[in-house]
Amino acid sequence: MKKVMVTLVVGLMTLGLIGCDGNITKQDVGTVGGAVAGGVIGSQFGGGAGNTAATIGGTIVGGYIGNQLTKD
């Protein structure tokens, strides 16, 4: 549960930083949303270092998929 909360907080902080330029696009939101979802899903697998690797991998893959799905 703690990893899920950390992932959500990091995602919201990233979205906040993206918003600093005042131009949040649908693709930005898709990228962050995908990264958060991927991190949460990845954190459900493995144990120890494997769990950390799965969380990081899920975040990267989720961010990429979210970015691609929301491309104009």
C-alpha atoms as a PDB file:
ATOM      1  CA  MET A   1       0.000   0.000   0.000  1.00  0.00           C
ATOM      2  CA  LYS A   2       2.851   2.364   0.787  1.00  0.00           C
ATOM      3  CA  LYS A   3       4.344   1.929  -2.702  1.00  0.00           C
ATOM      4  CA  VAL A   4       0.982   2.660  -4.283  1.00  0.00           C
ATOM      5  CA  MET A   5       0.713   5.928  -2.364  1.00  0.00           C
ATOM      6  CA  VAL A   6       4.284   6.915  -3.254  1.00  0.00           C
ATOM      7  CA  THR A   7       3.598   6.189  -6.923  1.00  0.00           C
ATOM      8  CA  LEU A   8       0.432   8.283  -6.860  1.00  0.00           C
ATOM      9  CA  VAL A   9       2.168  11.195  -5.118  1.00  0.00           C
ATOM     10  CA  VAL A  10       5.065  11.147  -7.602  1.00  0.00           C
ATOM     11  CA  GLY A  11       2.591  11.084 -10.488  1.00  0.00           C
ATOM     12  CA  LEU A  12       0.686  14.059  -9.125  1.00  0.00           C
ATOM     13  CA  MET A  13       3.911  15.974  -8.496  1.00  0.00           C
ATOM     14  CA  THR A  14       5.022  15.291 -12.068  1.00  0.00           C
ATOM     15  CA  LEU A  15       1.697  16.499 -13.419  1.00  0.00           C
ATOM     16  CA  GLY A  16       2.063  19.627 -11.291  1.00  0.00           C
ATOM     17  CA  LEU A  17       5.505  20.309 -12.733  1.00  0.00           C
ATOM     18  CA  ILE A  18       4.227  19.818 -16.255  1.00  0.00           C
ATOM     19  CA  GLY A  19       1.572  22.410 -15.470  1.00  0.00           C
ATOM     20  CA  CYS A  20       4.204  25.037 -14.624  1.00  0.00           C
ATOM     21  CA  ASP A  21       4.353  26.137 -18.253  1.00  0.00           C
ATOM     22  CA  GLY A  22       0.555  26.471 -18.305  1.00  0.00           C
ATOM     23  CA  ASN A  23       0.054  24.121 -21.245  1.00  0.00           C
ATOM     24  CA  ILE A  24      -1.027  20.730 -19.956  1.00  0.00           C
ATOM     25  CA  THR A  25      -1.954  18.639 -22.955  1.00  0.00           C
ATOM     26  CA  LYS A  26      -4.009  15.503 -23.202  1.00  0.00           C
ATOM     27  CA  GLN A  27      -0.786  13.657 -24.011  1.00  0.00           C
ATOM     28  CA  ASP A  28       0.877  14.925 -20.804  1.00  0.00           C
ATOM     29  CA  VAL A  29      -2.025  13.665 -18.726  1.00  0.00           C
ATOM     30  CA  GLY A  30      -1.994  10.345 -20.596  1.00  0.00           C
ATOM     31  CA  THR A  31       1.729   9.909 -19.995  1.00  0.00           C
ATOM     32  CA  VAL A  32       1.506  10.612 -16.267  1.00  0.00           C
ATOM     33  CA  GLY A  33      -1.672   8.560 -15.861  1.00  0.00           C
ATOM     34  CA  GLY A  34      -0.125   5.632 -17.700  1.00  0.00           C
ATOM     35  CA  ALA A  35       3.043   5.855 -15.623  1.00  0.00           C
ATOM     36  CA  VAL A  36       1.076   5.868 -12.362  1.00  0.00           C
ATOM     37  CA  ALA A  37      -1.120   2.964 -13.471  1.00  0.00           C
ATOM     38  CA  GLY A  38       1.895   1.013 -14.713  1.00  0.00           C
ATOM     39  CA  GLY A  39       3.777   1.598 -11.470  1.00  0.00           C
ATOM     40  CA  VAL A  40       0.824   0.455  -9.384  1.00  0.00           C
ATOM     41  CA  ILE A  41       0.372  -2.673 -11.495  1.00  0.00           C
ATOM     42  CA  GLY A  42       4.120  -3.402 -11.543  1.00  0.00           C
ATOM     43  CA  SER A  43       4.335  -3.083  -7.766  1.00  0.00           C
ATOM     44  CA  GLN A  44       2.068  -6.109  -7.419  1.00  0.00           C
ATOM     45  CA  PHE A  45       4.742  -8.471  -8.784  1.00  0.00           C
ATOM     46  CA  GLY A  46       7.951  -9.893  -7.358  1.00  0.00           C
ATOM     47  CA  GLY A  47       9.597  -9.404  -4.015  1.00  0.00           C
ATOM     48  CA  GLY A  48      12.539  -7.341  -2.812  1.00  0.00           C
ATOM     49  CA  ALA A  49      14.681  -6.092  -5.674  1.00  0.00           C
ATOM     50  CA  GLY A  50      12.390  -7.878  -8.145  1.00  0.00           C
ATOM     51  CA  ASN A  51       9.449  -5.861  -6.883  1.00  0.00           C
ATOM     52  CA  THR A  52      11.380  -2.626  -7.296  1.00  0.00           C
ATOM     53  CA  ALA A  53      12.388  -3.585 -10.821  1.00  0.00           C
ATOM     54  CA  ALA A  54       8.798  -4.510 -11.692  1.00  0.00           C
ATOM     55  CA  THR A  55       7.544  -1.173 -10.328  1.00  0.00           C
ATOM     56  CA  ILE A  56      10.116   0.799 -12.325  1.00  0.00           C
ATOM     57  CA  GLY A  57       9.482  -1.247 -15.446  1.00  0.00           C
ATOM     58  CA  GLY A  58       5.729  -0.847 -15.075  1.00  0.00           C
ATOM     59  CA  THR A  59       6.122   2.906 -14.685  1.00  0.00           C
ATOM     60  CA  ILE A  60       8.219   3.190 -17.838  1.00  0.00           C
ATOM     61  CA  VAL A  61       6.003   0.942 -19.940  1.00  0.00           C
ATOM     62  CA  GLY A  62       2.805   2.527 -18.604  1.00  0.00           C
ATOM     63  CA  GLY A  63       4.091   6.026 -19.329  1.00  0.00           C
ATOM     64  CA  TYR A  64       5.014   5.056 -22.868  1.00  0.00           C
ATOM     65  CA  ILE A  65       1.653   3.395 -23.523  1.00  0.00           C
ATOM     66  CA  GLY A  66      -0.251   6.344 -22.023  1.00  0.00           C
ATOM     67  CA  ASN A  67       1.782   8.738 -24.182  1.00  0.00           C
ATOM     68  CA  GLN A  68       1.141   6.771 -27.367  1.00  0.00           C
ATOM     69  CA  LEU A  69      -2.579   6.283 -26.728  1.00  0.00           C
ATOM     70  CA  THR A  70      -3.179  10.004 -26.260  1.00  0.00           C
ATOM     71  CA  LYS A  71      -1.107  11.224 -29.235  1.00  0.00           C
ATOM     72  CA  ASP A  72      -2.903  13.633 -31.517  1.00  0.00           C
END
